[in-house]
C-alpha atoms as a PDB file:
ATOM      1  CA  MET A   1      30.537   5.667   0.537  1.00  0.00           C
ATOM      2  CA  SER A   2      27.611   5.819   2.911  1.00  0.00           C
ATOM      3  CA  TYR A   3      26.392   4.179   6.116  1.00  0.00           C
ATOM      4  CA  VAL A   4      22.635   3.687   6.393  1.00  0.00           C
ATOM      5  CA  LEU A   5      20.627   2.748   9.487  1.00  0.00           C
ATOM      6  CA  TYR A   6      17.216   1.286   8.638  1.00  0.00           C
ATOM      7  CA  PHE A   7      14.393   0.232  10.984  1.00  0.00           C
ATOM      8  CA  GLY A   8      12.371  -2.620   9.504  1.00  0.00           C
ATOM      9  CA  GLY A   9       9.397  -4.485  10.874  1.00  0.00           C
ATOM     10  CA  GLU A  10      11.415  -6.921  12.993  1.00  0.00           C
ATOM     11  CA  MET A  11      15.050  -6.077  12.265  1.00  0.00           C
ATOM     12  CA  VAL A  12      17.306  -3.022  12.479  1.00  0.00           C
ATOM     13  CA  SER A  13      19.972  -2.947   9.738  1.00  0.00           C
ATOM     14  CA  LEU A  14      23.212  -1.050   9.271  1.00  0.00           C
ATOM     15  CA  VAL A  15      24.598  -1.038   5.737  1.00  0.00           C
ATOM     16  CA  HIS A  16      27.897   0.274   4.393  1.00  0.00           C
ATOM     17  CA  ALA A  17      27.260   1.001   0.713  1.00  0.00           C
ATOM     18  CA  GLY A  18      28.955   2.636  -2.251  1.00  0.00           C
ATOM     19  CA  GLU A  19      27.855   3.829  -5.671  1.00  0.00           C
ATOM     20  CA  ASN A  20      28.420   1.802  -8.837  1.00  0.00           C
ATOM     21  CA  VAL A  21      29.271   3.445 -12.145  1.00  0.00           C
ATOM     22  CA  ASN A  22      25.784   2.725 -13.542  1.00  0.00           C
ATOM     23  CA  GLY A  23      23.964   4.604 -10.787  1.00  0.00           C
ATOM     24  CA  THR A  24      23.144   1.536  -8.709  1.00  0.00           C
ATOM     25  CA  HIS A  25      24.671   0.808  -5.310  1.00  0.00           C
ATOM     26  CA  MET A  26      26.900  -1.932  -3.984  1.00  0.00           C
ATOM     27  CA  ILE A  27      26.849  -3.170  -0.402  1.00  0.00           C
ATOM     28  CA  LYS A  28      30.308  -3.332   1.173  1.00  0.00           C
ATOM     29  CA  SER A  29      29.175  -4.777   4.487  1.00  0.00           C
ATOM     30  CA  GLN A  30      25.973  -5.065   6.499  1.00  0.00           C
ATOM     31  CA  ALA A  31      24.509  -6.451   9.687  1.00  0.00           C
ATOM     32  CA  SER A  32      21.009  -6.861  11.118  1.00  0.00           C
ATOM     33  CA  GLU A  33      19.695  -7.345  14.642  1.00  0.00           C
ATOM     34  CA  LYS A  34      16.247  -8.237  15.919  1.00  0.00           C
ATOM     35  CA  TYR A  35      14.333  -5.654  17.952  1.00  0.00           C
ATOM     36  CA  SER A  36      10.839  -5.304  19.388  1.00  0.00           C
ATOM     37  CA  GLY A  37       9.633  -3.117  16.544  1.00  0.00           C
ATOM     38  CA  ILE A  38       7.358  -0.098  16.386  1.00  0.00           C
ATOM     39  CA  VAL A  39       3.900  -0.099  17.964  1.00  0.00           C
ATOM     40  CA  ASN A  40       1.427   2.793  17.859  1.00  0.00           C
ATOM     41  CA  SER A  41       4.053   5.161  16.431  1.00  0.00           C
ATOM     42  CA  GLU A  42       6.600   4.467  19.177  1.00  0.00           C
ATOM     43  CA  PHE A  43       9.443   2.032  19.671  1.00  0.00           C
ATOM     44  CA  ALA A  44       8.018  -0.900  21.615  1.00  0.00           C
ATOM     45  CA  GLN A  45      11.141  -0.836  23.819  1.00  0.00           C
ATOM     46  CA  GLU A  46      13.051   2.424  23.431  1.00  0.00           C
ATOM     47  CA  SER A  47      15.766   1.265  25.860  1.00  0.00           C
ATOM     48  CA  GLU A  48      16.902  -1.478  23.451  1.00  0.00           C
ATOM     49  CA  ILE A  49      17.581   0.860  20.521  1.00  0.00           C
ATOM     50  CA  SER A  50      20.947   2.151  21.724  1.00  0.00           C
ATOM     51  CA  PRO A  51      22.423  -1.319  22.463  1.00  0.00           C
ATOM     52  CA  VAL A  52      21.175  -2.636  19.113  1.00  0.00           C
ATOM     53  CA  ILE A  53      22.780   0.237  17.185  1.00  0.00           C
ATOM     54  CA  GLU A  54      25.997  -0.133  19.165  1.00  0.00           C
ATOM     55  CA  LYS A  55      26.196  -3.833  18.266  1.00  0.00           C
ATOM     56  CA  LEU A  56      25.535  -3.104  14.582  1.00  0.00           C
ATOM     57  CA  ILE A  57      28.310  -0.507  14.491  1.00  0.00           C
ATOM     58  CA  THR A  58      30.696  -3.033  16.039  1.00  0.00           C
ATOM     59  CA  LEU A  59      29.725  -5.688  13.487  1.00  0.00           C
ATOM     60  CA  VAL A  60      29.948  -3.455  10.422  1.00  0.00           C
ATOM     61  CA  GLY A  61      32.826  -1.244  11.530  1.00  0.00           C
ATOM     62  CA  THR A  62      33.254   2.410  10.492  1.00  0.00           C
ATOM     63  CA  GLY A  63      36.027   4.760   9.502  1.00  0.00           C
ATOM     64  CA  ARG A  64      35.021   7.254  12.208  1.00  0.00           C
ATOM     65  CA  LEU A  65      34.778  10.040   9.631  1.00  0.00           C
ATOM     66  CA  GLY A  66      31.716   8.997   7.643  1.00  0.00           C
ATOM     67  CA  THR A  67      28.117  10.165   7.600  1.00  0.00           C
ATOM     68  CA  LEU A  68      25.387   8.018   9.101  1.00  0.00           C
ATOM     69  CA  THR A  69      22.091   8.327   7.237  1.00  0.00           C
ATOM     70  CA  VAL A  70      19.123   7.281   9.360  1.00  0.00           C
ATOM     71  CA  GLY A  71      15.942   6.231   7.593  1.00  0.00           C
ATOM     72  CA  VAL A  72      13.052   7.738   9.572  1.00  0.00           C
ATOM     73  CA  PRO A  73       9.910   5.533   9.513  1.00  0.00           C
ATOM     74  CA  SER A  74       6.810   7.350   8.311  1.00  0.00           C
ATOM     75  CA  CYS A  75       5.040   7.088  11.664  1.00  0.00           C
ATOM     76  CA  PHE A  76       7.697   9.415  13.133  1.00  0.00           C
ATOM     77  CA  CYS A  77       7.368  12.029  10.348  1.00  0.00           C
ATOM     78  CA  THR A  78       5.100  15.032   9.958  1.00  0.00           C
ATOM     79  CA  PHE A  79       5.224  17.385   6.974  1.00  0.00           C
ATOM     80  CA  HIS A  80       3.957  20.970   7.000  1.00  0.00           C
ATOM     81  CA  VAL A  81       3.668  23.077   3.840  1.00  0.00           C
ATOM     82  CA  ASN A  82       3.655  26.862   3.736  1.00  0.00           C
ATOM     83  CA  HIS A  83       3.882  29.553   1.068  1.00  0.00           C
ATOM     84  CA  ALA A  84       6.592  32.234   1.004  1.00  0.00           C
ATOM     85  CA  ARG A  85       6.678  35.303  -1.230  1.00  0.00           C
ATOM     86  CA  ARG A  86       9.146  38.088  -1.850  1.00  0.00           C
ATOM     87  CA  GLU A  87       8.899  41.187  -4.064  1.00  0.00           C
ATOM     88  CA  PHE A  88      11.590  43.599  -5.261  1.00  0.00           C
ATOM     89  CA  PRO A  89      11.323  47.285  -6.287  1.00  0.00           C
ATOM     90  CA  LYS A  90      12.990  46.342  -9.558  1.00  0.00           C
ATOM     91  CA  PRO A  91      13.955  43.049 -11.249  1.00  0.00           C
ATOM     92  CA  LYS A  92      16.696  41.246  -9.400  1.00  0.00           C
ATOM     93  CA  ARG A  93      18.740  38.093 -10.061  1.00  0.00           C
ATOM     94  CA  ILE A  94      17.833  35.352  -7.595  1.00  0.00           C
ATOM     95  CA  THR A  95      20.814  34.021  -5.639  1.00  0.00           C
ATOM     96  CA  ARG A  96      21.125  30.759  -3.724  1.00  0.00           C
ATOM     97  CA  LYS A  97      21.271  32.727  -0.471  1.00  0.00           C
ATOM     98  CA  MET A  98      17.994  34.508  -1.266  1.00  0.00           C
ATOM     99  CA  ALA A  99      16.287  31.217  -2.131  1.00  0.00           C
ATOM    100  CA  ASN A 100      17.535  29.511   1.054  1.00  0.00           C
ATOM    101  CA  GLU A 101      16.346  32.404   3.218  1.00  0.00           C
ATOM    102  CA  MET A 102      12.825  31.936   1.841  1.00  0.00           C
ATOM    103  CA  LEU A 103      12.942  28.225   2.646  1.00  0.00           C
ATOM    104  CA  ASN A 104      13.705  28.908   6.326  1.00  0.00           C
ATOM    105  CA  GLY A 105      15.087  25.428   6.899  1.00  0.00           C
ATOM    106  CA  GLY A 106      12.536  23.642   4.713  1.00  0.00           C
ATOM    107  CA  SER A 107      12.735  22.193   1.216  1.00  0.00           C
ATOM    108  CA  ALA A 108      11.304  23.753  -1.930  1.00  0.00           C
ATOM    109  CA  VAL A 109       8.384  21.942  -3.523  1.00  0.00           C
ATOM    110  CA  TYR A 110       8.379  24.438  -6.409  1.00  0.00           C
ATOM    111  CA  TYR A 111       9.037  28.090  -7.200  1.00  0.00           C
ATOM    112  CA  LYS A 112       7.078  30.604  -9.257  1.00  0.00           C
ATOM    113  CA  VAL A 113       8.895  33.530 -10.835  1.00  0.00           C
ATOM    114  CA  ASP A 114       6.750  36.578 -11.648  1.00  0.00           C
ATOM    115  CA  GLY A 115       3.634  34.406 -11.515  1.00  0.00           C
ATOM    116  CA  GLY A 116       4.864  31.958 -14.139  1.00  0.00           C
ATOM    117  CA  SER A 117       4.665  28.179 -14.234  1.00  0.00           C
ATOM    118  CA  PRO A 118       6.115  26.183 -11.319  1.00  0.00           C
ATOM    119  CA  VAL A 119       9.846  25.433 -11.548  1.00  0.00           C
ATOM    120  CA  LEU A 120      12.071  23.330  -9.287  1.00  0.00           C
ATOM    121  CA  ASP A 121      14.791  25.970  -8.912  1.00  0.00           C
ATOM    122  CA  ALA A 122      14.704  29.740  -9.383  1.00  0.00           C
ATOM    123  CA  VAL A 123      18.387  30.511  -8.765  1.00  0.00           C
ATOM    124  CA  GLY A 124      19.863  32.589 -11.578  1.00  0.00           C
ATOM    125  CA  GLN A 125      16.540  33.881 -12.866  1.00  0.00           C
ATOM    126  CA  VAL A 126      15.733  37.593 -12.912  1.00  0.00           C
ATOM    127  CA  ALA A 127      12.427  38.496 -11.250  1.00  0.00           C
ATOM    128  CA  SER A 128      10.385  41.209  -9.575  1.00  0.00           C
ATOM    129  CA  ARG A 129       8.475  38.624  -7.541  1.00  0.00           C
ATOM    130  CA  ILE A 130       9.346  35.117  -6.378  1.00  0.00           C
ATOM    131  CA  GLU A 131       7.071  32.643  -4.618  1.00  0.00           C
ATOM    132  CA  VAL A 132       7.843  29.220  -3.192  1.00  0.00           C
ATOM    133  CA  GLN A 133       5.902  26.323  -1.700  1.00  0.00           C
ATOM    134  CA  VAL A 134       7.968  24.968   1.188  1.00  0.00           C
ATOM    135  CA  SER A 135       7.775  21.532   2.809  1.00  0.00           C
ATOM    136  CA  HIS A 136       8.966  21.361   6.429  1.00  0.00           C
ATOM    137  CA  LEU A 137       9.800  18.008   8.009  1.00  0.00           C
ATOM    138  CA  GLU A 138       9.180  17.452  11.713  1.00  0.00           C
ATOM    139  CA  ILE A 139      10.610  14.284  13.285  1.00  0.00           C
ATOM    140  CA  SER A 140       9.108  12.872  16.470  1.00  0.00           C
ATOM    141  CA  ALA A 141      11.093  13.646  19.613  1.00  0.00           C
ATOM    142  CA  HIS A 142      10.579  10.009  20.647  1.00  0.00           C
ATOM    143  CA  PHE A 143      12.567   8.869  17.597  1.00  0.00           C
ATOM    144  CA  LEU A 144      15.264  11.541  17.894  1.00  0.00           C
ATOM    145  CA  ASN A 145      15.801  10.832  21.591  1.00  0.00           C
ATOM    146  CA  ALA A 146      16.253   7.120  20.948  1.00  0.00           C
ATOM    147  CA  ILE A 147      18.836   7.722  18.207  1.00  0.00           C
ATOM    148  CA  GLU A 148      20.753  10.482  19.966  1.00  0.00           C
ATOM    149  CA  ALA A 149      21.020   8.399  23.134  1.00  0.00           C
ATOM    150  CA  CYS A 150      23.398   6.053  21.331  1.00  0.00           C
ATOM    151  CA  ARG A 151      26.881   7.325  22.187  1.00  0.00           C
ATOM    152  CA  ALA A 152      28.425   4.940  19.648  1.00  0.00           C
ATOM    153  CA  ILE A 153      27.071   7.174  16.886  1.00  0.00           C
ATOM    154  CA  ASP A 154      29.012  10.182  18.210  1.00  0.00           C
ATOM    155  CA  ARG A 155      32.154   8.097  18.539  1.00  0.00           C
ATOM    156  CA  ASN A 156      32.023   6.627  15.052  1.00  0.00           C
ATOM    157  CA  PHE A 157      30.434   9.210  12.753  1.00  0.00           C
ATOM    158  CA  SER A 158      31.239  12.821  11.998  1.00  0.00           C
ATOM    159  CA  ARG A 159      27.742  13.637  10.756  1.00  0.00           C
ATOM    160  CA  LEU A 160      24.178  12.412  11.225  1.00  0.00           C
ATOM    161  CA  ASP A 161      21.536  12.823   8.483  1.00  0.00           C
ATOM    162  CA  PHE A 162      17.846  11.961   8.782  1.00  0.00           C
ATOM    163  CA  VAL A 163      15.972  10.852   5.646  1.00  0.00           C
ATOM    164  CA  PRO A 164      12.218  10.135   5.728  1.00  0.00           C
ATOM    165  CA  VAL A 165      11.788   6.609   4.370  1.00  0.00           C
ATOM    166  CA  VAL A 166       8.622   7.505   2.460  1.00  0.00           C
ATOM    167  CA  GLN A 167      10.370  10.380   0.670  1.00  0.00           C
ATOM    168  CA  ALA A 168      13.273   8.101  -0.271  1.00  0.00           C
ATOM    169  CA  GLU A 169      10.796   5.489  -1.529  1.00  0.00           C
ATOM    170  CA  ALA A 170       9.014   8.046  -3.703  1.00  0.00           C
ATOM    171  CA  ASN A 171      12.208   9.378  -5.285  1.00  0.00           C
ATOM    172  CA  TYR A 172      13.594   5.873  -5.805  1.00  0.00           C
ATOM    173  CA  LEU A 173      10.495   4.145  -7.163  1.00  0.00           C
ATOM    174  CA  ILE A 174       8.483   6.749  -9.049  1.00  0.00           C
ATOM    175  CA  ASP A 175       9.581   8.399 -12.285  1.00  0.00           C
ATOM    176  CA  THR A 176      10.325  12.114 -12.075  1.00  0.00           C
ATOM    177  CA  HIS A 177       7.730  13.102 -14.687  1.00  0.00           C
ATOM    178  CA  VAL A 178       5.016  11.380 -12.608  1.00  0.00           C
ATOM    179  CA  ARG A 179       6.106  12.983  -9.320  1.00  0.00           C
ATOM    180  CA  ASP A 180       6.276  16.428 -10.923  1.00  0.00           C
ATOM    181  CA  LYS A 181       2.545  16.237 -11.719  1.00  0.00           C
ATOM    182  CA  THR A 182       1.628  14.978  -8.206  1.00  0.00           C
ATOM    183  CA  CYS A 183       0.959  11.391  -7.177  1.00  0.00           C
ATOM    184  CA  VAL A 184       0.221   9.302  -4.081  1.00  0.00           C
ATOM    185  CA  LEU A 185       2.462   6.689  -2.478  1.00  0.00           C
ATOM    186  CA  VAL A 186       1.036   4.089  -0.087  1.00  0.00           C
ATOM    187  CA  SER A 187       3.902   2.667   1.995  1.00  0.00           C
ATOM    188  CA  CYS A 188       3.051  -0.646   3.671  1.00  0.00           C
ATOM    189  CA  LYS A 189       4.982  -1.749   6.731  1.00  0.00           C
ATOM    190  CA  LEU A 190       4.591  -4.530   9.292  1.00  0.00           C
ATOM    191  CA  THR A 191       2.549  -2.544  11.839  1.00  0.00           C
ATOM    192  CA  ASP A 192       1.395   0.554   9.965  1.00  0.00           C
ATOM    193  CA  THR A 193       0.490   1.991   6.572  1.00  0.00           C
ATOM    194  CA  SER A 194       1.286   5.503   5.330  1.00  0.00           C
ATOM    195  CA  VAL A 195      -0.387   7.537   2.617  1.00  0.00           C
ATOM    196  CA  ALA A 196       1.830  10.320   1.247  1.00  0.00           C
ATOM    197  CA  VAL A 197       1.174  13.007  -1.355  1.00  0.00           C
ATOM    198  CA  VAL A 198       4.261  13.484  -3.531  1.00  0.00           C
ATOM    199  CA  VAL A 199       5.026  16.632  -5.521  1.00  0.00           C
ATOM    200  CA  GLY A 200       8.367  16.663  -7.292  1.00  0.00           C
ATOM    201  CA  ASP A 201      11.052  15.532  -4.849  1.00  0.00           C
ATOM    202  CA  GLN A 202       9.046  16.473  -1.756  1.00  0.00           C
ATOM    203  CA  ILE A 203       6.276  15.129   0.447  1.00  0.00           C
ATOM    204  CA  VAL A 204       3.539  17.708   0.978  1.00  0.00           C
ATOM    205  CA  ALA A 205       1.178  15.657   3.152  1.00  0.00           C
ATOM    206  CA  ILE A 206       1.229  12.322   4.955  1.00  0.00           C
ATOM    207  CA  GLU A 207      -1.072  10.298   7.178  1.00  0.00           C
ATOM    208  CA  THR A 208      -0.132   7.052   8.902  1.00  0.00           C
ATOM    209  CA  PHE A 209      -2.560   4.600  10.474  1.00  0.00           C
ATOM    210  CA  ASP A 210      -1.707   1.699  12.775  1.00  0.00           C
ATOM    211  CA  MET A 211      -2.619  -1.234  10.619  1.00  0.00           C
ATOM    212  CA  GLY A 212      -0.390  -3.619   8.696  1.00  0.00           C
ATOM    213  CA  VAL A 213       0.358  -7.271   8.073  1.00  0.00           C
ATOM    214  CA  ALA A 214       0.968  -7.804  11.809  1.00  0.00           C
ATOM    215  CA  HIS A 215      -2.691  -7.009  12.454  1.00  0.00           C
ATOM    216  CA  VAL A 216      -3.788  -9.588   9.884  1.00  0.00           C
ATOM    217  CA  ILE A 217      -1.565 -12.193  11.580  1.00  0.00           C
ATOM    218  CA  ASN A 218      -2.899 -11.250  15.020  1.00  0.00           C
ATOM    219  CA  GLU A 219      -6.484 -11.749  13.821  1.00  0.00           C
ATOM    220  CA  ILE A 220      -5.582 -15.193  12.468  1.00  0.00           C
ATOM    221  CA  SER A 221      -4.009 -16.026  15.830  1.00  0.00           C
ATOM    222  CA  LEU A 222      -7.092 -14.955  17.793  1.00  0.00           C
ATOM    223  CA  ASP A 223      -9.644 -16.503  15.438  1.00  0.00           C
ATOM    224  CA  LYS A 224      -7.883 -19.854  15.061  1.00  0.00           C
ATOM    225  CA  GLY A 225      -6.589 -20.085  18.638  1.00  0.00           C
ATOM    226  CA  VAL A 226      -2.955 -20.525  17.593  1.00  0.00           C
ATOM    227  CA  ASP A 227       0.186 -18.742  18.737  1.00  0.00           C
ATOM    228  CA  TYR A 228       1.713 -15.885  16.771  1.00  0.00           C
ATOM    229  CA  TYR A 229       4.345 -18.021  15.048  1.00  0.00           C
ATOM    230  CA  LYS A 230       1.783 -20.568  13.852  1.00  0.00           C
ATOM    231  CA  ALA A 231      -0.354 -17.680  12.595  1.00  0.00           C
ATOM    232  CA  VAL A 232       2.664 -16.337  10.668  1.00  0.00           C
ATOM    233  CA  GLU A 233       3.103 -19.775   9.085  1.00  0.00           C
ATOM    234  CA  MET A 234      -0.567 -19.889   8.112  1.00  0.00           C
ATOM    235  CA  PHE A 235      -0.393 -16.389   6.676  1.00  0.00           C
ATOM    236  CA  GLU A 236       2.723 -17.150   4.656  1.00  0.00           C
ATOM    237  CA  ARG A 237       0.981 -20.247   3.206  1.00  0.00           C
ATOM    238  CA  TYR A 238      -2.200 -18.251   2.538  1.00  0.00           C
ATOM    239  CA  ASP A 239      -2.036 -17.934  -1.254  1.00  0.00           C
ATOM    240  CA  LYS A 240      -1.362 -21.631  -1.827  1.00  0.00           C
ATOM    241  CA  PHE A 241      -2.755 -23.660   1.027  1.00  0.00           C
ATOM    242  CA  ASP A 242      -4.823 -21.781   3.572  1.00  0.00           C
ATOM    243  CA  VAL A 243      -7.346 -19.831   1.499  1.00  0.00           C
ATOM    244  CA  ASP A 244     -10.288 -21.792   2.877  1.00  0.00           C
ATOM    245  CA  LYS A 245      -9.026 -21.670   6.470  1.00  0.00           C
ATOM    246  CA  ILE A 246      -8.145 -18.002   6.793  1.00  0.00           C
ATOM    247  CA  GLY A 247      -9.353 -16.388   3.567  1.00  0.00           C
ATOM    248  CA  GLY A 248     -12.261 -14.611   5.245  1.00  0.00           C
ATOM    249  CA  ILE A 249     -10.066 -13.203   7.993  1.00  0.00           C
ATOM    250  CA  VAL A 250      -7.480 -11.868   5.557  1.00  0.00           C
ATOM    251  CA  LYS A 251     -10.095 -10.481   3.181  1.00  0.00           C
ATOM    252  CA  ALA A 252     -11.952  -8.597   5.918  1.00  0.00           C
ATOM    253  CA  ARG A 253      -8.801  -6.955   7.288  1.00  0.00           C
ATOM    254  CA  LEU A 254      -7.523  -6.039   3.807  1.00  0.00           C
ATOM    255  CA  GLU A 255     -10.869  -4.467   2.931  1.00  0.00           C
ATOM    256  CA  ASP A 256     -10.632  -2.410   6.118  1.00  0.00           C
ATOM    257  CA  MET A 257      -7.118  -1.241   5.239  1.00  0.00           C
ATOM    258  CA  ALA A 258      -8.085  -0.386   1.649  1.00  0.00           C
ATOM    259  CA  GLU A 259     -11.052   1.616   2.902  1.00  0.00           C
ATOM    260  CA  GLN A 260      -8.829   3.603   5.264  1.00  0.00           C
ATOM    261  CA  VAL A 261      -6.386   4.340   2.436  1.00  0.00           C
ATOM    262  CA  ASN A 262      -9.269   5.506   0.232  1.00  0.00           C
ATOM    263  CA  THR A 263     -10.672   7.686   3.025  1.00  0.00           C
ATOM    264  CA  ILE A 264      -7.306   9.343   3.656  1.00  0.00           C
ATOM    265  CA  ILE A 265      -6.730  10.075  -0.035  1.00  0.00           C
ATOM    266  CA  THR A 266     -10.204  11.569  -0.351  1.00  0.00           C
ATOM    267  CA  ARG A 267      -9.779  13.641   2.813  1.00  0.00           C
ATOM    268  CA  LEU A 268      -6.402  15.016   1.723  1.00  0.00           C
ATOM    269  CA  ASP A 269      -7.759  16.019  -1.680  1.00  0.00           C
ATOM    270  CA  HIS A 270     -10.576  14.292  -3.579  1.00  0.00           C
ATOM    271  CA  GLY A 271      -8.815  15.160  -6.834  1.00  0.00           C
ATOM    272  CA  LEU A 272      -5.946  12.849  -5.876  1.00  0.00           C
ATOM    273  CA  LEU A 273      -8.104   9.857  -6.853  1.00  0.00           C
ATOM    274  CA  GLY A 274      -7.488  10.960 -10.436  1.00  0.00           C
ATOM    275  CA  ARG A 275      -3.730  10.885  -9.968  1.00  0.00           C
ATOM    276  CA  PRO A 276      -1.458   7.812 -10.019  1.00  0.00           C
ATOM    277  CA  VAL A 277      -1.495   5.884  -6.736  1.00  0.00           C
ATOM    278  CA  TYR A 278       1.428   3.531  -6.047  1.00  0.00           C
ATOM    279  CA  VAL A 279       2.052   0.916  -3.377  1.00  0.00           C
ATOM    280  CA  CYS A 280       5.366  -0.298  -1.929  1.00  0.00           C
ATOM    281  CA  GLY A 281       6.963  -1.770   1.197  1.00  0.00           C
ATOM    282  CA  GLY A 282       7.008  -5.545   0.776  1.00  0.00           C
ATOM    283  CA  TYR A 283       4.168  -6.273   3.190  1.00  0.00           C
ATOM    284  CA  THR A 284       0.494  -5.739   2.321  1.00  0.00           C
ATOM    285  CA  ASP A 285       1.482  -4.820  -1.232  1.00  0.00           C
ATOM    286  CA  ASN A 286       2.762  -8.403  -1.650  1.00  0.00           C
ATOM    287  CA  ILE A 287      -0.737  -9.846  -1.179  1.00  0.00           C
ATOM    288  CA  PHE A 288      -2.568 -10.337  -4.458  1.00  0.00           C
ATOM    289  CA  GLY A 289      -5.746  -8.269  -4.594  1.00  0.00           C
ATOM    290  CA  ALA A 290      -4.984  -6.422  -1.363  1.00  0.00           C
ATOM    291  CA  PHE A 291      -6.083  -3.073  -2.777  1.00  0.00           C
ATOM    292  CA  PRO A 292      -8.644  -1.950  -5.367  1.00  0.00           C
ATOM    293  CA  GLU A 293      -7.564  -1.815  -9.006  1.00  0.00           C
ATOM    294  CA  TYR A 294      -6.904   1.927  -8.987  1.00  0.00           C
ATOM    295  CA  LEU A 295      -3.968   1.257  -6.642  1.00  0.00           C
ATOM    296  CA  LYS A 296      -1.133   0.073  -8.875  1.00  0.00           C
ATOM    297  CA  THR A 297       1.856  -1.622  -7.305  1.00  0.00           C
ATOM    298  CA  MET A 298       5.020   0.203  -8.362  1.00  0.00           C
ATOM    299  CA  CYS A 299       8.141  -1.561  -7.184  1.00  0.00           C
ATOM    300  CA  PRO A 300      11.331  -2.633  -8.977  1.00  0.00           C
ATOM    301  CA  LEU A 301      11.746  -6.404  -9.039  1.00  0.00           C
ATOM    302  CA  ASN A 302       8.271  -6.733  -7.609  1.00  0.00           C
ATOM    303  CA  GLU A 303       8.323 -10.485  -8.177  1.00  0.00           C
ATOM    304  CA  VAL A 304      11.194 -10.587  -5.639  1.00  0.00           C
ATOM    305  CA  ASN A 305       9.991  -8.099  -3.054  1.00  0.00           C
ATOM    306  CA  PRO A 306      10.965  -9.257   0.457  1.00  0.00           C
ATOM    307  CA  PRO A 307       9.741  -7.030   3.292  1.00  0.00           C
ATOM    308  CA  ASP A 308      11.716  -3.810   3.837  1.00  0.00           C
ATOM    309  CA  ILE A 309      14.489  -4.539   1.310  1.00  0.00           C
ATOM    310  CA  VAL A 310      13.366  -2.137  -1.433  1.00  0.00           C
ATOM    311  CA  SER A 311      12.550   0.525   1.157  1.00  0.00           C
ATOM    312  CA  ARG A 312      15.998   0.126   2.703  1.00  0.00           C
ATOM    313  CA  ASP A 313      17.599   0.330  -0.752  1.00  0.00           C
ATOM    314  CA  ALA A 314      15.663   3.549  -1.361  1.00  0.00           C
ATOM    315  CA  VAL A 315      17.300   5.131   1.697  1.00  0.00           C
ATOM    316  CA  ILE A 316      20.723   3.909   0.515  1.00  0.00           C
ATOM    317  CA  PHE A 317      20.071   5.459  -2.896  1.00  0.00           C
ATOM    318  CA  GLN A 318      19.051   8.756  -1.270  1.00  0.00           C
ATOM    319  CA  SER A 319      22.161   8.768   0.908  1.00  0.00           C
ATOM    320  CA  LEU A 320      24.430   8.482  -2.119  1.00  0.00           C
ATOM    321  CA  LEU A 321      22.937  11.426  -4.023  1.00  0.00           C
END
């Protein structure tokens, strides 16, 4: 069983989930509460986070001994990659302790034993030289402070795990054989969009820019002189009814977002444009034609892809591994 805390565009959710025999998950109980969201890579109102989490814990209930897995939004994540190398006077069998010491708190992207091909794990192999690419996750102090300020977490959970949402999305949505050869995942949220480079089970680079569906809605509001809620209604009717009224506004903003995604991919590594590029999140990726053709939407049940649900399920899946 697992408890997962997920921060969506407008709602914070706490889910108590378990694993089914076929590798899927079942939700035992869940609750969601509105909050002010995330703006410019910070909680819009940090002071509300603790009360919201406390209420969710009360609604869902816990056994006081479980682990709480917190999905960390991409805007609060930074990944650094470094290379570690160790040589031995004579061939030596690699132990788990030796491998962990080389990681220094990070996660292995891949190992190379005696200069051979990359492998995911080197434990048990005999080598004179071992190298490893290591991915280190850094979580924003702003996010950590907001979570750790909630005393209800200490009272109700014996352990706290942090899982980057974008990493969970990659491992949940993209086949292993694709990730092993490197790919790109574009994660679309309400107020921001992240571009992550995925190698195996790890993220080796990520950039997040402050632009999402909320910015499209805001432009509709300003251009048409309507309040935010009317603009949301117009946006939600866009594909069927409001193409003529707001089509130009939507198209211009989407072109801007696509250009930023393309620029980031090129800046990270021009060769990535030759690798698979996937889109997920339930926001911009739900808009037909939002991105150029080389960006292929990769999302289970894409025809039923409500905002944040698949991303939340990805964190649940990761928590049950």
